[in-house]
Structure formats: C-alpha cells, structure tokens
Amino acid sequence: MQKRSVQPGRPPGTTTYEAEPALAFGQAVRAARLAQGVAQDEFASMAGIARSHMGKIERGEHMPTLALILKISAALSISAAELMSATERNLRADAQS
C-alpha cells in the first residue's frame, strides 16, 4: 500500500465551500480589526497576508485555513478561540434574523 501525500487545498471533487461560516468569520475579523482602529492594508501586513486575500476573507469570499486563522488571531492579539466565539455569535445572529 502506497502512502498518500498531503495535498494543499480542497479535497478532489470539492467545488464549493460553506459561505455562512466564511462570512461570519470575516465579520468577526473585520469587527475586531476596526475595534483596534487598524486599516485593512496595515492589518494584512501585520498578519503576513496579502491585502487582497485579507479583503476576500473579511468579505466571506475565502475560507481561511487553520494556519491563516492563527496568523490573524495573533495579529489581532486575541486567541483563535475568541475569534471562533465571535464567529459562532455571528452565525447565531444570522440564523435568528
């Protein structure tokens, strides 16, 4: 039996992602960033992420990987758990509206 190599990206055959969690995460990131008074381009630089990619994350157009979530939370000086809690709150609020 041959060992499978780890491939980056989505599993083969996957063409979509779940938009609701991506949007809720983006809202949480944007709210935390704005609360700290940091511009998006400056924040992207702090996190080591391209500004255009950060914009897509904040708009919910991209679902970030765990590594990116950890970079974003470190740049915000909050834990990834706090960021996920804010994401969950956004999901609940969207479900109620």
N, C-alpha and C. Protein backbone atom coordinates (compact mmCIF):
# COMPACT_ATOMS: atom_id res chain seq x y z
N MET A 1 0.84 -1.17 0.00
CA MET A 1 0.00 0.00 0.00
C MET A 1 0.89 1.23 0.00
N GLN A 2 0.60 2.15 -0.91
CA GLN A 2 1.39 3.36 -1.04
C GLN A 2 0.81 4.47 -0.16
N LYS A 3 1.69 5.17 0.52
CA LYS A 3 1.26 6.26 1.39
C LYS A 3 0.86 7.46 0.54
N ARG A 4 -0.30 8.05 0.85
CA ARG A 4 -0.78 9.22 0.12
C ARG A 4 -0.08 10.46 0.63
N SER A 5 0.30 11.33 -0.28
CA SER A 5 0.93 12.58 0.13
C SER A 5 -0.16 13.59 0.46
N VAL A 6 0.18 14.53 1.32
CA VAL A 6 -0.75 15.58 1.71
C VAL A 6 -0.75 16.64 0.62
N GLN A 7 -1.94 16.98 0.14
CA GLN A 7 -2.08 17.97 -0.91
C GLN A 7 -2.76 19.21 -0.33
N PRO A 8 -2.26 20.40 -0.65
CA PRO A 8 -2.93 21.61 -0.17
C PRO A 8 -4.25 21.83 -0.89
N GLY A 9 -5.12 22.57 -0.26
CA GLY A 9 -6.38 22.94 -0.89
C GLY A 9 -7.52 22.01 -0.54
N ARG A 10 -8.57 22.13 -1.32
CA ARG A 10 -9.79 21.34 -1.08
C ARG A 10 -9.60 19.91 -1.55
N PRO A 11 -10.34 18.97 -0.97
CA PRO A 11 -10.28 17.59 -1.44
C PRO A 11 -10.74 17.50 -2.89
N PRO A 12 -10.24 16.51 -3.64
CA PRO A 12 -10.64 16.36 -5.04
C PRO A 12 -12.16 16.26 -5.16
N GLY A 13 -12.70 16.94 -6.14
CA GLY A 13 -14.14 16.90 -6.37
C GLY A 13 -14.92 17.96 -5.64
N THR A 14 -14.30 18.64 -4.68
CA THR A 14 -14.98 19.68 -3.93
C THR A 14 -14.93 20.98 -4.74
N THR A 15 -16.09 21.55 -5.00
CA THR A 15 -16.12 22.76 -5.81
C THR A 15 -16.63 23.97 -5.06
N THR A 16 -17.19 23.76 -3.89
CA THR A 16 -17.75 24.89 -3.15
C THR A 16 -17.29 24.85 -1.70
N TYR A 17 -17.61 25.87 -1.00
CA TYR A 17 -17.37 25.93 0.44
C TYR A 17 -18.64 26.46 1.08
N GLU A 18 -18.72 26.38 2.38
CA GLU A 18 -19.90 26.88 3.07
C GLU A 18 -19.74 28.38 3.28
N ALA A 19 -20.61 29.14 2.64
CA ALA A 19 -20.49 30.59 2.66
C ALA A 19 -20.82 31.20 4.02
N GLU A 20 -21.78 30.64 4.74
CA GLU A 20 -22.21 31.24 6.00
C GLU A 20 -21.09 31.32 7.03
N PRO A 21 -20.35 30.22 7.29
CA PRO A 21 -19.25 30.34 8.25
C PRO A 21 -18.15 31.28 7.77
N ALA A 22 -17.88 31.27 6.47
CA ALA A 22 -16.85 32.17 5.94
C ALA A 22 -17.24 33.63 6.15
N LEU A 23 -18.51 33.94 5.91
CA LEU A 23 -19.00 35.30 6.11
C LEU A 23 -18.98 35.68 7.59
N ALA A 24 -19.39 34.76 8.45
CA ALA A 24 -19.40 35.03 9.90
C ALA A 24 -17.98 35.25 10.42
N PHE A 25 -17.03 34.47 9.91
CA PHE A 25 -15.63 34.64 10.32
C PHE A 25 -15.12 35.99 9.84
N GLY A 26 -15.41 36.34 8.60
CA GLY A 26 -14.98 37.62 8.05
C GLY A 26 -15.53 38.79 8.85
N GLN A 27 -16.80 38.69 9.26
CA GLN A 27 -17.40 39.74 10.08
C GLN A 27 -16.69 39.86 11.42
N ALA A 28 -16.32 38.72 12.00
CA ALA A 28 -15.63 38.73 13.29
C ALA A 28 -14.25 39.38 13.16
N VAL A 29 -13.54 39.05 12.10
CA VAL A 29 -12.22 39.63 11.87
C VAL A 29 -12.33 41.14 11.66
N ARG A 30 -13.25 41.54 10.80
CA ARG A 30 -13.42 42.98 10.50
C ARG A 30 -13.78 43.75 11.77
N ALA A 31 -14.71 43.22 12.56
CA ALA A 31 -15.13 43.91 13.79
C ALA A 31 -13.96 44.06 14.75
N ALA A 32 -13.17 43.01 14.92
CA ALA A 32 -12.02 43.08 15.83
C ALA A 32 -10.98 44.06 15.30
N ARG A 33 -10.75 44.04 14.01
CA ARG A 33 -9.77 44.95 13.40
C ARG A 33 -10.22 46.40 13.56
N LEU A 34 -11.48 46.68 13.27
CA LEU A 34 -11.99 48.04 13.39
C LEU A 34 -12.01 48.52 14.84
N ALA A 35 -12.29 47.60 15.76
CA ALA A 35 -12.28 47.95 17.19
C ALA A 35 -10.88 48.40 17.63
N GLN A 36 -9.87 47.90 16.95
CA GLN A 36 -8.49 48.29 17.27
C GLN A 36 -8.03 49.48 16.44
N GLY A 37 -8.89 49.94 15.52
CA GLY A 37 -8.57 51.10 14.72
C GLY A 37 -7.45 50.88 13.72
N VAL A 38 -7.36 49.68 13.17
CA VAL A 38 -6.29 49.35 12.24
C VAL A 38 -6.87 49.26 10.82
N ALA A 39 -6.19 49.88 9.87
CA ALA A 39 -6.61 49.81 8.47
C ALA A 39 -6.37 48.41 7.93
N GLN A 40 -7.17 48.03 6.94
CA GLN A 40 -7.07 46.67 6.40
C GLN A 40 -5.69 46.36 5.82
N ASP A 41 -5.11 47.29 5.08
CA ASP A 41 -3.80 47.01 4.48
C ASP A 41 -2.71 46.88 5.53
N GLU A 42 -2.78 47.71 6.56
CA GLU A 42 -1.82 47.62 7.66
C GLU A 42 -1.99 46.30 8.41
N PHE A 43 -3.25 45.92 8.64
CA PHE A 43 -3.52 44.68 9.34
C PHE A 43 -3.04 43.47 8.54
N ALA A 44 -3.28 43.48 7.24
CA ALA A 44 -2.84 42.37 6.40
C ALA A 44 -1.32 42.22 6.49
N SER A 45 -0.63 43.35 6.49
CA SER A 45 0.83 43.32 6.62
C SER A 45 1.25 42.75 7.97
N MET A 46 0.56 43.16 9.03
CA MET A 46 0.85 42.64 10.37
C MET A 46 0.66 41.13 10.44
N ALA A 47 -0.34 40.62 9.73
CA ALA A 47 -0.65 39.19 9.75
C ALA A 47 0.18 38.40 8.74
N GLY A 48 0.87 39.10 7.86
CA GLY A 48 1.66 38.41 6.84
C GLY A 48 0.80 37.79 5.75
N ILE A 49 -0.30 38.47 5.44
CA ILE A 49 -1.25 38.01 4.43
C ILE A 49 -1.40 39.11 3.39
N ALA A 50 -1.53 38.73 2.13
CA ALA A 50 -1.72 39.74 1.07
C ALA A 50 -3.00 40.53 1.35
N ARG A 51 -2.96 41.83 1.09
CA ARG A 51 -4.11 42.68 1.36
C ARG A 51 -5.35 42.21 0.61
N SER A 52 -5.18 41.81 -0.63
CA SER A 52 -6.33 41.35 -1.42
C SER A 52 -6.93 40.08 -0.81
N HIS A 53 -6.09 39.20 -0.30
CA HIS A 53 -6.59 37.98 0.33
C HIS A 53 -7.33 38.31 1.63
N MET A 54 -6.79 39.26 2.39
CA MET A 54 -7.46 39.68 3.63
C MET A 54 -8.83 40.25 3.32
N GLY A 55 -8.93 41.04 2.26
CA GLY A 55 -10.22 41.58 1.86
C GLY A 55 -11.21 40.48 1.54
N LYS A 56 -10.75 39.46 0.83
CA LYS A 56 -11.63 38.34 0.49
C LYS A 56 -12.06 37.57 1.73
N ILE A 57 -11.17 37.44 2.69
CA ILE A 57 -11.52 36.76 3.95
C ILE A 57 -12.57 37.58 4.68
N GLU A 58 -12.36 38.88 4.80
CA GLU A 58 -13.31 39.73 5.52
C GLU A 58 -14.68 39.79 4.84
N ARG A 59 -14.70 39.67 3.53
CA ARG A 59 -15.98 39.67 2.81
C ARG A 59 -16.63 38.29 2.76
N GLY A 60 -15.96 37.28 3.30
CA GLY A 60 -16.51 35.93 3.31
C GLY A 60 -16.37 35.22 1.98
N GLU A 61 -15.49 35.69 1.13
CA GLU A 61 -15.28 35.07 -0.17
C GLU A 61 -14.28 33.93 -0.12
N HIS A 62 -13.45 33.90 0.91
CA HIS A 62 -12.47 32.82 1.10
C HIS A 62 -12.61 32.26 2.51
N MET A 63 -12.49 30.95 2.61
CA MET A 63 -12.48 30.28 3.91
C MET A 63 -11.01 30.08 4.28
N PRO A 64 -10.53 30.73 5.34
CA PRO A 64 -9.11 30.62 5.68
C PRO A 64 -8.77 29.26 6.27
N THR A 65 -7.52 28.88 6.10
CA THR A 65 -7.01 27.64 6.70
C THR A 65 -6.74 27.89 8.18
N LEU A 66 -6.47 26.83 8.90
CA LEU A 66 -6.13 26.96 10.32
C LEU A 66 -4.89 27.83 10.49
N ALA A 67 -3.90 27.66 9.63
CA ALA A 67 -2.69 28.46 9.74
C ALA A 67 -3.00 29.95 9.59
N LEU A 68 -3.88 30.31 8.66
CA LEU A 68 -4.26 31.71 8.49
C LEU A 68 -5.06 32.22 9.67
N ILE A 69 -5.95 31.40 10.20
CA ILE A 69 -6.73 31.80 11.38
C ILE A 69 -5.79 32.13 12.54
N LEU A 70 -4.76 31.31 12.72
CA LEU A 70 -3.80 31.55 13.79
C LEU A 70 -2.99 32.83 13.54
N LYS A 71 -2.62 33.09 12.29
CA LYS A 71 -1.91 34.34 11.96
C LYS A 71 -2.80 35.55 12.22
N ILE A 72 -4.06 35.45 11.83
CA ILE A 72 -5.00 36.55 12.01
C ILE A 72 -5.22 36.83 13.49
N SER A 73 -5.43 35.78 14.27
CA SER A 73 -5.67 35.98 15.70
C SER A 73 -4.44 36.56 16.39
N ALA A 74 -3.25 36.12 15.98
CA ALA A 74 -2.02 36.67 16.56
C ALA A 74 -1.88 38.16 16.22
N ALA A 75 -2.20 38.54 14.98
CA ALA A 75 -2.12 39.94 14.58
C ALA A 75 -3.14 40.79 15.34
N LEU A 76 -4.26 40.19 15.70
CA LEU A 76 -5.29 40.89 16.48
C LEU A 76 -4.99 40.88 17.98
N SER A 77 -3.98 40.11 18.37
CA SER A 77 -3.62 39.93 19.79
C SER A 77 -4.77 39.35 20.59
N ILE A 78 -5.51 38.44 19.96
CA ILE A 78 -6.55 37.68 20.66
C ILE A 78 -6.34 36.21 20.35
N SER A 79 -6.96 35.36 21.13
CA SER A 79 -6.80 33.93 20.87
C SER A 79 -7.69 33.50 19.70
N ALA A 80 -7.30 32.43 19.07
CA ALA A 80 -8.12 31.87 18.00
C ALA A 80 -9.48 31.45 18.56
N ALA A 81 -9.50 31.03 19.81
CA ALA A 81 -10.77 30.64 20.45
C ALA A 81 -11.71 31.84 20.55
N GLU A 82 -11.18 33.01 20.90
CA GLU A 82 -12.01 34.22 20.97
C GLU A 82 -12.56 34.58 19.59
N LEU A 83 -11.73 34.42 18.58
CA LEU A 83 -12.16 34.70 17.21
C LEU A 83 -13.25 33.72 16.78
N MET A 84 -13.10 32.46 17.17
CA MET A 84 -14.12 31.46 16.83
C MET A 84 -15.42 31.71 17.60
N SER A 85 -15.31 32.17 18.83
CA SER A 85 -16.51 32.50 19.61
C SER A 85 -17.28 33.64 18.95
N ALA A 86 -16.55 34.65 18.46
CA ALA A 86 -17.20 35.76 17.76
C ALA A 86 -17.85 35.26 16.48
N THR A 87 -17.19 34.34 15.80
CA THR A 87 -17.74 33.75 14.58
C THR A 87 -19.03 33.01 14.89
N GLU A 88 -19.04 32.23 15.96
CA GLU A 88 -20.24 31.49 16.36
C GLU A 88 -21.37 32.44 16.72
N ARG A 89 -21.06 33.53 17.40
CA ARG A 89 -22.09 34.53 17.73
C ARG A 89 -22.70 35.12 16.45
N ASN A 90 -21.83 35.40 15.47
CA ASN A 90 -22.32 35.93 14.19
C ASN A 90 -23.22 34.92 13.49
N LEU A 91 -22.86 33.65 13.55
CA LEU A 91 -23.69 32.61 12.92
C LEU A 91 -25.07 32.53 13.59
N ARG A 92 -25.07 32.59 14.93
CA ARG A 92 -26.35 32.54 15.66
C ARG A 92 -27.20 33.76 15.34
N ALA A 93 -26.57 34.92 15.28
CA ALA A 93 -27.30 36.16 14.99
C ALA A 93 -27.89 36.11 13.58
N ASP A 94 -27.13 35.58 12.63
CA ASP A 94 -27.63 35.46 11.26
C ASP A 94 -28.79 34.46 11.17
N ALA A 95 -28.70 33.40 11.97
CA ALA A 95 -29.76 32.38 11.95
C ALA A 95 -31.06 32.92 12.54
N GLN A 96 -30.96 33.85 13.50
CA GLN A 96 -32.14 34.41 14.15
C GLN A 96 -32.80 35.50 13.31
N SER A 97 -32.04 36.10 12.40
CA SER A 97 -32.62 37.19 11.61
C SER A 97 -33.22 36.71 10.31
